[in-house]
N, C-alpha and C. Protein backbone atom coordinates (compact mmCIF):
# COMPACT_ATOMS: atom_id res chain seq x y z
N UNK A 1 0.82 -1.20 0.00
CA UNK A 1 0.00 0.00 0.00
C UNK A 1 0.86 1.25 0.00
N UNK A 2 1.82 1.33 0.95
CA UNK A 2 2.62 2.55 1.08
C UNK A 2 3.50 2.77 -0.14
N UNK A 3 4.16 1.70 -0.61
CA UNK A 3 5.03 1.84 -1.77
C UNK A 3 4.23 2.25 -3.00
N UNK A 4 3.02 1.69 -3.15
CA UNK A 4 2.16 2.07 -4.27
C UNK A 4 1.76 3.53 -4.16
N UNK A 5 1.44 3.97 -2.94
CA UNK A 5 1.09 5.37 -2.72
C UNK A 5 2.28 6.27 -3.01
N UNK A 6 3.47 5.83 -2.60
CA UNK A 6 4.67 6.64 -2.83
C UNK A 6 4.95 6.80 -4.32
N UNK A 7 4.71 5.75 -5.08
CA UNK A 7 4.94 5.81 -6.52
C UNK A 7 3.92 6.71 -7.22
N UNK A 8 2.68 6.67 -6.75
CA UNK A 8 1.64 7.45 -7.40
C UNK A 8 1.54 8.88 -6.88
N UNK A 9 1.84 9.07 -5.59
CA UNK A 9 1.70 10.39 -4.98
C UNK A 9 2.69 10.52 -3.83
N UNK A 10 3.95 10.84 -4.14
CA UNK A 10 4.98 10.92 -3.09
C UNK A 10 4.63 11.90 -1.97
N UNK A 11 4.01 13.03 -2.32
CA UNK A 11 3.66 14.03 -1.30
C UNK A 11 2.67 13.46 -0.29
N UNK A 12 1.67 12.73 -0.78
CA UNK A 12 0.69 12.13 0.11
C UNK A 12 1.34 11.05 0.97
N UNK A 13 2.26 10.28 0.38
CA UNK A 13 2.94 9.21 1.11
C UNK A 13 3.77 9.78 2.26
N UNK A 14 4.47 10.87 2.01
CA UNK A 14 5.29 11.49 3.05
C UNK A 14 4.40 12.06 4.15
N UNK A 15 3.27 12.67 3.77
CA UNK A 15 2.32 13.20 4.75
C UNK A 15 1.73 12.07 5.59
N UNK A 16 1.44 10.94 4.93
CA UNK A 16 0.92 9.76 5.61
C UNK A 16 1.93 9.25 6.64
N UNK A 17 3.19 9.16 6.23
CA UNK A 17 4.26 8.69 7.11
C UNK A 17 4.46 9.65 8.28
N UNK A 18 4.42 10.95 8.00
CA UNK A 18 4.56 11.95 9.05
C UNK A 18 3.45 11.81 10.09
N UNK A 19 2.22 11.60 9.59
CA UNK A 19 1.10 11.43 10.51
C UNK A 19 1.27 10.21 11.39
N UNK A 20 1.79 9.12 10.84
CA UNK A 20 2.03 7.91 11.63
C UNK A 20 3.11 8.13 12.68
N UNK A 21 4.19 8.81 12.31
CA UNK A 21 5.28 9.07 13.27
C UNK A 21 4.76 9.93 14.42
N UNK A 22 4.00 10.96 14.08
CA UNK A 22 3.41 11.81 15.13
C UNK A 22 2.49 10.99 16.02
N UNK A 23 1.65 10.18 15.39
CA UNK A 23 0.67 9.40 16.14
C UNK A 23 1.31 8.38 17.06
N UNK A 24 2.29 7.65 16.56
CA UNK A 24 2.96 6.63 17.37
C UNK A 24 3.72 7.27 18.52
N UNK A 25 4.40 8.38 18.24
CA UNK A 25 5.17 9.08 19.28
C UNK A 25 4.27 9.57 20.40
N UNK A 26 3.20 10.26 20.03
CA UNK A 26 2.28 10.79 21.04
C UNK A 26 1.58 9.66 21.79
N UNK A 27 1.22 8.61 21.07
CA UNK A 27 0.55 7.45 21.67
C UNK A 27 1.41 6.83 22.77
N UNK A 28 2.67 6.54 22.47
CA UNK A 28 3.54 5.91 23.46
C UNK A 28 3.89 6.88 24.59
N UNK A 29 4.07 8.17 24.27
CA UNK A 29 4.35 9.16 25.31
C UNK A 29 3.16 9.29 26.25
N UNK A 30 1.94 9.14 25.73
CA UNK A 30 0.74 9.21 26.57
C UNK A 30 0.69 8.04 27.54
N UNK A 31 1.04 6.84 27.06
CA UNK A 31 1.13 5.69 27.96
C UNK A 31 2.13 5.97 29.09
N UNK A 32 3.31 6.44 28.70
CA UNK A 32 4.38 6.67 29.68
C UNK A 32 4.00 7.75 30.68
N UNK A 33 3.42 8.84 30.19
CA UNK A 33 3.06 9.96 31.07
C UNK A 33 1.95 9.58 32.03
N UNK A 34 0.93 8.89 31.52
CA UNK A 34 -0.18 8.49 32.39
C UNK A 34 0.30 7.51 33.46
N UNK A 35 1.19 6.60 33.09
CA UNK A 35 1.74 5.66 34.08
C UNK A 35 2.52 6.43 35.15
N UNK A 36 3.28 7.43 34.75
CA UNK A 36 4.06 8.23 35.70
C UNK A 36 3.13 8.99 36.65
N UNK A 37 2.07 9.56 36.11
CA UNK A 37 1.11 10.28 36.94
C UNK A 37 0.42 9.35 37.94
N UNK A 38 0.27 8.08 37.56
CA UNK A 38 -0.42 7.12 38.42
C UNK A 38 0.53 6.35 39.34
N UNK A 39 1.80 6.75 39.36
CA UNK A 39 2.72 6.21 40.36
C UNK A 39 3.78 5.25 39.85
N UNK A 40 3.77 4.92 38.56
CA UNK A 40 4.77 4.00 38.02
C UNK A 40 5.82 4.81 37.24
N UNK A 41 7.03 4.85 37.77
CA UNK A 41 8.09 5.64 37.11
C UNK A 41 8.97 4.80 36.19
N UNK A 42 8.53 3.56 35.86
CA UNK A 42 9.35 2.69 35.02
C UNK A 42 9.63 3.32 33.67
N UNK A 43 8.59 3.78 32.98
CA UNK A 43 8.77 4.40 31.67
C UNK A 43 9.52 5.73 31.79
N UNK A 44 9.28 6.46 32.88
CA UNK A 44 9.98 7.73 33.09
C UNK A 44 11.48 7.50 33.18
N UNK A 45 11.88 6.48 33.95
CA UNK A 45 13.31 6.17 34.10
C UNK A 45 13.91 5.64 32.79
N UNK A 46 13.06 5.13 31.92
CA UNK A 46 13.50 4.64 30.62
C UNK A 46 13.54 5.75 29.58
N UNK A 47 13.24 6.98 29.99
CA UNK A 47 13.28 8.12 29.08
C UNK A 47 12.12 8.19 28.11
N UNK A 48 10.97 7.65 28.52
CA UNK A 48 9.83 7.58 27.60
C UNK A 48 8.82 8.70 27.80
N UNK A 49 8.95 9.49 28.85
CA UNK A 49 8.04 10.62 29.06
C UNK A 49 8.60 11.79 28.25
N UNK A 50 8.47 11.71 26.95
CA UNK A 50 9.03 12.69 26.03
C UNK A 50 8.32 12.58 24.69
N UNK A 51 8.37 13.67 23.93
CA UNK A 51 7.80 13.66 22.58
C UNK A 51 8.90 13.52 21.52
N UNK A 52 10.07 13.06 21.94
CA UNK A 52 11.15 12.79 21.00
C UNK A 52 10.87 11.45 20.30
N UNK A 53 10.61 11.46 18.99
CA UNK A 53 10.28 10.20 18.28
C UNK A 53 11.34 9.12 18.46
N UNK A 54 12.60 9.51 18.58
CA UNK A 54 13.68 8.52 18.71
C UNK A 54 13.52 7.67 19.96
N UNK A 55 12.82 8.18 20.97
CA UNK A 55 12.63 7.43 22.21
C UNK A 55 11.51 6.40 22.10
N UNK A 56 10.69 6.52 21.06
CA UNK A 56 9.50 5.68 20.97
C UNK A 56 9.45 4.78 19.74
N UNK A 57 10.19 5.12 18.70
CA UNK A 57 10.11 4.34 17.47
C UNK A 57 10.97 3.08 17.57
N UNK A 58 10.43 1.98 17.13
CA UNK A 58 11.12 0.70 17.10
C UNK A 58 11.81 0.54 15.75
N UNK A 59 12.99 -0.05 15.72
CA UNK A 59 13.74 -0.17 14.47
C UNK A 59 12.96 -0.97 13.43
N UNK A 60 12.53 -2.17 13.81
CA UNK A 60 11.78 -3.01 12.87
C UNK A 60 10.44 -2.36 12.52
N UNK A 61 9.77 -1.80 13.52
CA UNK A 61 8.50 -1.13 13.27
C UNK A 61 8.65 0.04 12.32
N UNK A 62 9.78 0.77 12.44
CA UNK A 62 10.03 1.90 11.54
C UNK A 62 10.31 1.43 10.12
N UNK A 63 11.05 0.33 9.99
CA UNK A 63 11.29 -0.24 8.66
C UNK A 63 9.98 -0.68 8.02
N UNK A 64 9.09 -1.25 8.81
CA UNK A 64 7.79 -1.65 8.29
C UNK A 64 6.98 -0.44 7.85
N UNK A 65 7.14 0.68 8.57
CA UNK A 65 6.48 1.92 8.16
C UNK A 65 6.92 2.32 6.75
N UNK A 66 8.22 2.24 6.52
CA UNK A 66 8.76 2.64 5.23
C UNK A 66 8.39 1.66 4.13
N UNK A 67 8.36 0.38 4.45
CA UNK A 67 8.13 -0.64 3.43
C UNK A 67 6.65 -0.90 3.17
N UNK A 68 5.86 -0.90 4.24
CA UNK A 68 4.47 -1.32 4.09
C UNK A 68 3.45 -0.26 4.47
N UNK A 69 3.91 0.82 5.13
CA UNK A 69 2.97 1.87 5.51
C UNK A 69 2.28 1.59 6.83
N UNK A 70 2.67 0.54 7.53
CA UNK A 70 2.18 0.31 8.89
C UNK A 70 3.36 -0.17 9.72
N UNK A 71 3.29 0.09 11.00
CA UNK A 71 4.40 -0.32 11.86
C UNK A 71 4.01 -0.15 13.31
N UNK A 72 4.97 -0.06 14.19
CA UNK A 72 4.68 0.02 15.61
C UNK A 72 5.82 0.72 16.31
N UNK A 73 5.54 1.21 17.51
CA UNK A 73 6.57 1.83 18.32
C UNK A 73 7.09 0.86 19.36
N UNK A 74 8.09 1.29 20.11
CA UNK A 74 8.59 0.48 21.21
C UNK A 74 7.53 0.39 22.29
N UNK A 75 7.18 -0.82 22.74
CA UNK A 75 6.19 -0.94 23.81
C UNK A 75 6.64 -0.16 25.05
N UNK A 76 5.72 0.56 25.63
CA UNK A 76 6.03 1.33 26.83
C UNK A 76 6.03 0.41 28.06
N UNK A 77 7.14 0.36 28.80
CA UNK A 77 7.19 -0.53 29.98
C UNK A 77 6.30 0.00 31.11
N UNK A 78 5.42 -0.85 31.59
CA UNK A 78 4.51 -0.47 32.67
C UNK A 78 4.49 -1.60 33.71
N UNK A 79 4.56 -1.22 34.98
CA UNK A 79 4.46 -2.17 36.10
C UNK A 79 3.11 -1.97 36.75
N UNK A 80 2.10 -2.76 36.39
CA UNK A 80 0.75 -2.57 36.96
C UNK A 80 0.72 -2.54 38.48
N UNK A 81 1.61 -3.28 39.12
CA UNK A 81 1.62 -3.33 40.59
C UNK A 81 1.97 -1.98 41.22
N UNK A 82 2.61 -1.10 40.46
CA UNK A 82 2.99 0.21 40.98
C UNK A 82 1.91 1.26 40.77
N UNK A 83 0.93 0.95 39.96
CA UNK A 83 -0.08 1.94 39.59
C UNK A 83 -1.13 2.10 40.68
N UNK A 84 -1.55 3.33 40.91
CA UNK A 84 -2.67 3.59 41.80
C UNK A 84 -3.99 3.33 41.05
N UNK A 85 -5.05 3.14 41.83
CA UNK A 85 -6.36 3.02 41.21
C UNK A 85 -6.87 1.61 41.06
N UNK A 86 -6.15 0.63 41.57
CA UNK A 86 -6.61 -0.75 41.46
C UNK A 86 -6.71 -1.19 40.01
N UNK A 87 -7.83 -1.82 39.67
CA UNK A 87 -8.01 -2.33 38.32
C UNK A 87 -8.06 -1.21 37.28
N UNK A 88 -8.45 0.00 37.74
CA UNK A 88 -8.61 1.10 36.80
C UNK A 88 -7.28 1.76 36.42
N UNK A 89 -6.23 1.54 37.20
CA UNK A 89 -4.93 2.12 36.87
C UNK A 89 -4.39 1.63 35.54
N UNK A 90 -4.22 0.31 35.37
CA UNK A 90 -3.74 -0.22 34.08
C UNK A 90 -4.69 0.11 32.93
N UNK A 91 -6.00 0.12 33.20
CA UNK A 91 -6.97 0.45 32.15
C UNK A 91 -6.77 1.90 31.69
N UNK A 92 -6.56 2.80 32.65
CA UNK A 92 -6.35 4.21 32.30
C UNK A 92 -5.09 4.39 31.48
N UNK A 93 -4.03 3.68 31.84
CA UNK A 93 -2.78 3.78 31.08
C UNK A 93 -2.97 3.26 29.66
N UNK A 94 -3.68 2.14 29.53
CA UNK A 94 -3.94 1.58 28.20
C UNK A 94 -4.80 2.52 27.38
N UNK A 95 -5.80 3.13 28.02
CA UNK A 95 -6.72 4.01 27.31
C UNK A 95 -6.06 5.32 26.88
N UNK A 96 -5.03 5.74 27.60
CA UNK A 96 -4.37 7.02 27.32
C UNK A 96 -3.81 7.07 25.90
N UNK A 97 -3.30 5.94 25.40
CA UNK A 97 -2.72 5.93 24.05
C UNK A 97 -3.74 6.24 22.97
N UNK A 98 -4.82 5.44 22.85
CA UNK A 98 -5.84 5.74 21.84
C UNK A 98 -6.48 7.12 22.01
N UNK A 99 -6.72 7.52 23.25
CA UNK A 99 -7.32 8.84 23.48
C UNK A 99 -6.42 9.94 22.94
N UNK A 100 -5.11 9.78 23.11
CA UNK A 100 -4.17 10.79 22.60
C UNK A 100 -4.26 10.90 21.07
N UNK A 101 -4.47 9.76 20.40
CA UNK A 101 -4.64 9.79 18.94
C UNK A 101 -5.92 10.51 18.55
N UNK A 102 -6.99 10.30 19.32
CA UNK A 102 -8.24 10.98 19.04
C UNK A 102 -8.10 12.49 19.28
N UNK A 103 -7.32 12.88 20.27
CA UNK A 103 -7.07 14.30 20.52
C UNK A 103 -6.32 14.93 19.36
N UNK A 104 -5.41 14.19 18.74
CA UNK A 104 -4.70 14.70 17.57
C UNK A 104 -5.69 14.94 16.43
N UNK A 105 -6.65 14.04 16.26
CA UNK A 105 -7.69 14.25 15.24
C UNK A 105 -8.44 15.54 15.54
N UNK A 106 -8.76 15.78 16.81
CA UNK A 106 -9.47 17.00 17.20
C UNK A 106 -8.63 18.24 16.89
N UNK A 107 -7.33 18.17 17.17
CA UNK A 107 -6.44 19.31 16.87
C UNK A 107 -6.41 19.56 15.36
N UNK A 108 -6.35 18.49 14.58
CA UNK A 108 -6.35 18.64 13.12
C UNK A 108 -7.66 19.28 12.65
N UNK A 109 -8.76 18.92 13.29
CA UNK A 109 -10.06 19.51 12.92
C UNK A 109 -10.07 21.01 13.18
N UNK A 110 -9.46 21.42 14.30
CA UNK A 110 -9.38 22.86 14.61
C UNK A 110 -8.48 23.56 13.60
N UNK A 111 -7.33 22.97 13.28
CA UNK A 111 -6.42 23.56 12.30
C UNK A 111 -7.09 23.71 10.93
N UNK A 112 -7.93 22.73 10.59
CA UNK A 112 -8.58 22.73 9.28
C UNK A 112 -9.61 23.85 9.15
N UNK A 113 -9.99 24.44 10.27
CA UNK A 113 -10.91 25.58 10.24
C UNK A 113 -10.19 26.87 9.84
N UNK A 114 -8.86 26.86 9.93
CA UNK A 114 -8.05 28.03 9.59
C UNK A 114 -7.76 28.01 8.09
N UNK A 115 -8.05 29.09 7.37
CA UNK A 115 -7.86 29.10 5.91
C UNK A 115 -6.49 28.64 5.44
N UNK A 116 -5.44 28.96 6.20
CA UNK A 116 -4.09 28.57 5.81
C UNK A 116 -3.94 27.06 5.66
N UNK A 117 -4.71 26.31 6.46
CA UNK A 117 -4.59 24.85 6.46
C UNK A 117 -5.66 24.17 5.61
N UNK A 118 -6.32 24.95 4.74
CA UNK A 118 -7.39 24.38 3.93
C UNK A 118 -7.00 24.13 2.48
N UNK A 119 -5.77 24.46 2.15
CA UNK A 119 -5.32 24.23 0.77
C UNK A 119 -3.82 23.97 0.75
N UNK A 120 -3.36 23.43 -0.37
CA UNK A 120 -1.94 23.17 -0.54
C UNK A 120 -1.45 22.01 0.31
N UNK A 121 -0.14 21.96 0.51
CA UNK A 121 0.46 20.83 1.21
C UNK A 121 0.13 20.81 2.69
N UNK A 122 -0.09 21.99 3.29
CA UNK A 122 -0.48 22.04 4.70
C UNK A 122 -1.81 21.33 4.91
N UNK A 123 -2.73 21.51 3.99
CA UNK A 123 -4.02 20.81 4.10
C UNK A 123 -3.83 19.31 4.00
N UNK A 124 -2.94 18.89 3.08
CA UNK A 124 -2.68 17.46 2.92
C UNK A 124 -2.08 16.87 4.19
N UNK A 125 -1.14 17.59 4.81
CA UNK A 125 -0.52 17.11 6.04
C UNK A 125 -1.55 17.00 7.17
N UNK A 126 -2.40 18.02 7.30
CA UNK A 126 -3.43 18.01 8.34
C UNK A 126 -4.39 16.85 8.14
N UNK A 127 -4.87 16.67 6.91
CA UNK A 127 -5.84 15.61 6.64
C UNK A 127 -5.22 14.22 6.80
N UNK A 128 -3.98 14.05 6.35
CA UNK A 128 -3.31 12.76 6.49
C UNK A 128 -3.01 12.46 7.97
N UNK A 129 -2.63 13.49 8.72
CA UNK A 129 -2.36 13.29 10.15
C UNK A 129 -3.64 12.89 10.87
N UNK A 130 -4.75 13.54 10.52
CA UNK A 130 -6.03 13.18 11.11
C UNK A 130 -6.41 11.75 10.73
N UNK A 131 -6.23 11.40 9.47
CA UNK A 131 -6.59 10.07 8.99
C UNK A 131 -5.77 8.99 9.70
N UNK A 132 -4.45 9.17 9.75
CA UNK A 132 -3.59 8.15 10.37
C UNK A 132 -3.87 8.02 11.86
N UNK A 133 -4.20 9.11 12.52
CA UNK A 133 -4.46 9.03 13.96
C UNK A 133 -5.84 8.45 14.26
N UNK A 134 -6.81 8.70 13.38
CA UNK A 134 -8.10 8.01 13.51
C UNK A 134 -7.88 6.51 13.31
N UNK A 135 -7.00 6.18 12.37
CA UNK A 135 -6.65 4.79 12.11
C UNK A 135 -6.00 4.14 13.34
N UNK A 136 -5.05 4.85 13.93
CA UNK A 136 -4.39 4.33 15.13
C UNK A 136 -5.37 4.20 16.29
N UNK A 137 -6.28 5.16 16.42
CA UNK A 137 -7.28 5.11 17.49
C UNK A 137 -8.12 3.84 17.38
N UNK A 138 -8.66 3.60 16.19
CA UNK A 138 -9.53 2.44 15.99
C UNK A 138 -8.74 1.14 16.08
N UNK A 139 -7.58 1.09 15.41
CA UNK A 139 -6.79 -0.14 15.39
C UNK A 139 -6.39 -0.57 16.79
N UNK A 140 -5.94 0.38 17.60
CA UNK A 140 -5.46 0.02 18.93
C UNK A 140 -6.58 -0.38 19.89
N UNK A 141 -7.82 -0.09 19.52
CA UNK A 141 -8.94 -0.50 20.37
C UNK A 141 -9.46 -1.89 20.01
N UNK A 142 -8.88 -2.52 18.97
CA UNK A 142 -9.24 -3.91 18.67
C UNK A 142 -8.81 -4.77 19.86
N UNK A 143 -9.72 -5.57 20.43
CA UNK A 143 -9.40 -6.30 21.67
C UNK A 143 -8.61 -7.59 21.43
N UNK A 144 -7.47 -7.45 20.77
CA UNK A 144 -6.57 -8.58 20.56
C UNK A 144 -5.20 -8.18 21.11
N UNK A 145 -4.65 -8.92 22.09
CA UNK A 145 -3.31 -8.60 22.59
C UNK A 145 -2.29 -8.62 21.47
N UNK A 146 -1.31 -7.72 21.48
CA UNK A 146 -0.98 -6.80 22.57
C UNK A 146 -1.62 -5.42 22.44
N UNK A 147 -2.66 -5.28 21.63
CA UNK A 147 -3.29 -3.98 21.41
C UNK A 147 -3.98 -3.49 22.68
N UNK A 148 -4.14 -2.18 22.78
CA UNK A 148 -4.69 -1.57 24.00
C UNK A 148 -6.11 -2.03 24.28
N UNK A 149 -6.87 -2.34 23.24
CA UNK A 149 -8.25 -2.75 23.44
C UNK A 149 -8.38 -3.94 24.37
N UNK A 150 -7.43 -4.87 24.29
CA UNK A 150 -7.48 -6.04 25.17
C UNK A 150 -7.21 -5.64 26.62
N UNK A 151 -6.31 -4.68 26.83
CA UNK A 151 -5.98 -4.25 28.19
C UNK A 151 -7.10 -3.43 28.81
N UNK A 152 -7.93 -2.85 27.94
CA UNK A 152 -9.08 -2.08 28.42
C UNK A 152 -10.26 -3.00 28.72
N UNK A 153 -10.47 -4.00 27.87
CA UNK A 153 -11.63 -4.87 28.00
C UNK A 153 -11.43 -6.04 28.95
N UNK A 154 -10.30 -6.74 28.84
CA UNK A 154 -10.11 -8.00 29.55
C UNK A 154 -10.26 -7.90 31.07
N UNK A 155 -9.81 -6.80 31.72
CA UNK A 155 -9.96 -6.74 33.18
C UNK A 155 -11.42 -6.78 33.65
N UNK A 156 -12.36 -6.48 32.76
CA UNK A 156 -13.77 -6.43 33.16
C UNK A 156 -14.54 -7.67 32.75
N UNK A 157 -13.87 -8.63 32.12
CA UNK A 157 -14.54 -9.87 31.74
C UNK A 157 -14.74 -10.75 32.98
N UNK A 158 -15.81 -11.54 33.00
CA UNK A 158 -16.06 -12.41 34.16
C UNK A 158 -14.98 -13.48 34.29
N UNK A 159 -14.82 -13.98 35.49
CA UNK A 159 -13.78 -14.99 35.75
C UNK A 159 -14.01 -16.26 34.94
N UNK A 160 -15.25 -16.49 34.55
CA UNK A 160 -15.55 -17.68 33.75
C UNK A 160 -14.81 -17.65 32.41
N UNK A 161 -14.39 -16.46 32.00
CA UNK A 161 -13.67 -16.33 30.73
C UNK A 161 -12.16 -16.22 30.93
N UNK A 162 -11.68 -16.56 32.11
CA UNK A 162 -10.24 -16.44 32.39
C UNK A 162 -9.41 -17.32 31.46
N UNK A 163 -9.95 -18.49 31.08
CA UNK A 163 -9.24 -19.36 30.15
C UNK A 163 -9.10 -18.71 28.78
N UNK A 164 -10.16 -18.04 28.35
CA UNK A 164 -10.12 -17.31 27.08
C UNK A 164 -9.09 -16.18 27.14
N UNK A 165 -9.08 -15.46 28.26
CA UNK A 165 -8.14 -14.35 28.43
C UNK A 165 -6.71 -14.86 28.39
N UNK A 166 -6.45 -15.97 29.10
CA UNK A 166 -5.10 -16.54 29.10
C UNK A 166 -4.69 -16.97 27.68
N UNK A 167 -5.64 -17.57 26.97
CA UNK A 167 -5.37 -18.01 25.60
C UNK A 167 -5.03 -16.81 24.72
N UNK A 168 -5.82 -15.75 24.82
CA UNK A 168 -5.60 -14.57 23.98
C UNK A 168 -4.30 -13.87 24.34
N UNK A 169 -3.98 -13.81 25.63
CA UNK A 169 -2.72 -13.17 26.03
C UNK A 169 -1.51 -13.94 25.49
N UNK A 170 -1.67 -15.26 25.37
CA UNK A 170 -0.57 -16.09 24.87
C UNK A 170 -0.48 -16.07 23.35
N UNK A 171 -1.63 -16.15 22.69
CA UNK A 171 -1.63 -16.31 21.24
C UNK A 171 -2.15 -15.09 20.47
N UNK A 172 -2.56 -14.06 21.21
CA UNK A 172 -3.09 -12.87 20.55
C UNK A 172 -2.15 -12.25 19.52
N UNK A 173 -0.86 -12.06 19.85
CA UNK A 173 0.05 -11.48 18.86
C UNK A 173 0.14 -12.31 17.58
N UNK A 174 0.10 -13.65 17.73
CA UNK A 174 0.16 -14.52 16.55
C UNK A 174 -1.13 -14.37 15.73
N UNK A 175 -2.26 -14.30 16.43
CA UNK A 175 -3.55 -14.13 15.76
C UNK A 175 -3.58 -12.81 15.00
N UNK A 176 -3.11 -11.75 15.65
CA UNK A 176 -3.10 -10.42 15.02
C UNK A 176 -2.21 -10.41 13.79
N UNK A 177 -1.00 -10.96 13.94
CA UNK A 177 -0.08 -11.02 12.80
C UNK A 177 -0.68 -11.85 11.67
N UNK A 178 -1.35 -12.95 12.03
CA UNK A 178 -1.98 -13.80 11.03
C UNK A 178 -3.06 -13.06 10.26
N UNK A 179 -3.87 -12.28 10.98
CA UNK A 179 -4.92 -11.49 10.31
C UNK A 179 -4.32 -10.49 9.34
N UNK A 180 -3.23 -9.82 9.77
CA UNK A 180 -2.56 -8.85 8.89
C UNK A 180 -1.99 -9.55 7.66
N UNK A 181 -1.34 -10.70 7.88
CA UNK A 181 -0.73 -11.43 6.77
C UNK A 181 -1.80 -11.92 5.79
N UNK A 182 -2.86 -12.50 6.31
CA UNK A 182 -3.94 -13.00 5.44
C UNK A 182 -4.57 -11.85 4.66
N UNK A 183 -4.75 -10.72 5.32
CA UNK A 183 -5.34 -9.55 4.66
C UNK A 183 -4.49 -9.08 3.49
N UNK A 184 -3.16 -9.08 3.68
CA UNK A 184 -2.26 -8.61 2.62
C UNK A 184 -2.13 -9.63 1.49
N UNK A 185 -2.04 -10.91 1.84
CA UNK A 185 -1.80 -11.94 0.84
C UNK A 185 -3.03 -12.23 0.01
N UNK A 186 -4.19 -12.25 0.65
CA UNK A 186 -5.42 -12.66 -0.04
C UNK A 186 -6.30 -11.51 -0.47
N UNK A 187 -5.97 -10.29 0.00
CA UNK A 187 -6.80 -9.12 -0.27
C UNK A 187 -8.19 -9.23 0.33
N UNK A 188 -8.38 -10.11 1.31
CA UNK A 188 -9.65 -10.17 2.02
C UNK A 188 -9.83 -8.87 2.81
N UNK A 189 -11.04 -8.30 2.79
CA UNK A 189 -11.25 -6.99 3.44
C UNK A 189 -11.43 -7.08 4.95
N UNK A 190 -10.54 -7.85 5.61
CA UNK A 190 -10.67 -8.05 7.05
C UNK A 190 -10.61 -6.71 7.79
N UNK A 191 -9.59 -5.93 7.47
CA UNK A 191 -9.40 -4.68 8.20
C UNK A 191 -10.30 -3.57 7.68
N UNK A 192 -10.89 -3.76 6.50
CA UNK A 192 -11.91 -2.82 6.04
C UNK A 192 -13.07 -2.80 7.02
N UNK A 193 -13.40 -3.98 7.54
CA UNK A 193 -14.49 -4.08 8.52
C UNK A 193 -14.03 -3.62 9.90
N UNK A 194 -12.84 -4.08 10.31
CA UNK A 194 -12.36 -3.73 11.63
C UNK A 194 -12.09 -2.23 11.78
N UNK A 195 -11.67 -1.60 10.69
CA UNK A 195 -11.32 -0.18 10.73
C UNK A 195 -12.42 0.71 10.16
N UNK A 196 -13.60 0.15 9.97
CA UNK A 196 -14.71 0.91 9.38
C UNK A 196 -15.05 2.19 10.14
N UNK A 197 -14.89 2.25 11.47
CA UNK A 197 -15.23 3.50 12.19
C UNK A 197 -14.36 4.70 11.83
N UNK A 198 -13.26 4.50 11.13
CA UNK A 198 -12.35 5.63 10.83
C UNK A 198 -13.08 6.74 10.08
N UNK A 199 -13.81 6.38 9.03
CA UNK A 199 -14.51 7.40 8.23
C UNK A 199 -15.56 8.15 9.05
N UNK A 200 -16.43 7.47 9.80
CA UNK A 200 -17.38 8.22 10.64
C UNK A 200 -16.71 9.14 11.66
N UNK A 201 -15.56 8.73 12.18
CA UNK A 201 -14.85 9.59 13.14
C UNK A 201 -14.41 10.87 12.46
N UNK A 202 -13.80 10.76 11.29
CA UNK A 202 -13.36 11.96 10.56
C UNK A 202 -14.56 12.83 10.22
N UNK A 203 -15.64 12.22 9.79
CA UNK A 203 -16.84 12.97 9.44
C UNK A 203 -17.41 13.70 10.65
N UNK A 204 -17.38 13.03 11.82
CA UNK A 204 -17.89 13.65 13.04
C UNK A 204 -17.09 14.90 13.42
N UNK A 205 -15.81 14.91 13.07
CA UNK A 205 -14.96 16.06 13.35
C UNK A 205 -14.97 17.08 12.21
N UNK A 206 -15.79 16.84 11.22
CA UNK A 206 -15.90 17.79 10.10
C UNK A 206 -14.74 17.75 9.14
N UNK A 207 -14.06 16.61 9.08
CA UNK A 207 -12.88 16.49 8.21
C UNK A 207 -13.20 15.58 7.02
N UNK A 208 -12.77 15.97 5.82
CA UNK A 208 -12.94 15.08 4.67
C UNK A 208 -11.95 13.92 4.73
N UNK A 209 -12.34 12.81 4.14
CA UNK A 209 -11.45 11.66 4.08
C UNK A 209 -10.46 11.86 2.94
N UNK A 210 -9.15 11.76 3.20
CA UNK A 210 -8.17 11.94 2.13
C UNK A 210 -8.39 10.93 1.01
N UNK A 211 -8.22 11.38 -0.22
CA UNK A 211 -8.34 10.51 -1.38
C UNK A 211 -6.95 10.21 -1.90
N UNK A 212 -6.57 8.94 -1.87
CA UNK A 212 -5.23 8.55 -2.38
C UNK A 212 -5.27 7.12 -2.87
């Protein structure tokens, strides 16, 4: 997808990549900052309470960004036992990442109200940043480990489902990777359905969906 976009529209591809870097950086910094506020200084001591992309981008994840247009940042280290708030502490830390991406969409919506950001390359950057962060918001809320959605949902599941939770925590990353691989190899619209809320989110903020 990304390489095809780069060949057809390099400007849009660079704006797309910029939006992902911003989104991943802010997302991981939000995890680290919320954990620090709630009493866990693990990420703080690791230098993660910062908006410096170099502190959050993963080497392999960054290569995947360049090659495929999707990737990941370095997981933010969190010690749930150090967090205040009981069960809600880890949930709040997990939720902080997706919420930060949604806030970026809101900021882009405000910028898009300013005439300067309604045309030319600035408009493209704003719209692509909003699109990629809406994408990150929805994607990270999918309840499959290691995505944030599982950390938000699983603590509230009944104990009768503890076997399911253990299974998903063990095999969730393999399942997620398998879904991504099958989607790319077979062109099955798996993520078209999973990521369907992206367009309504942009529309709700008064932003057009980028065409590329």
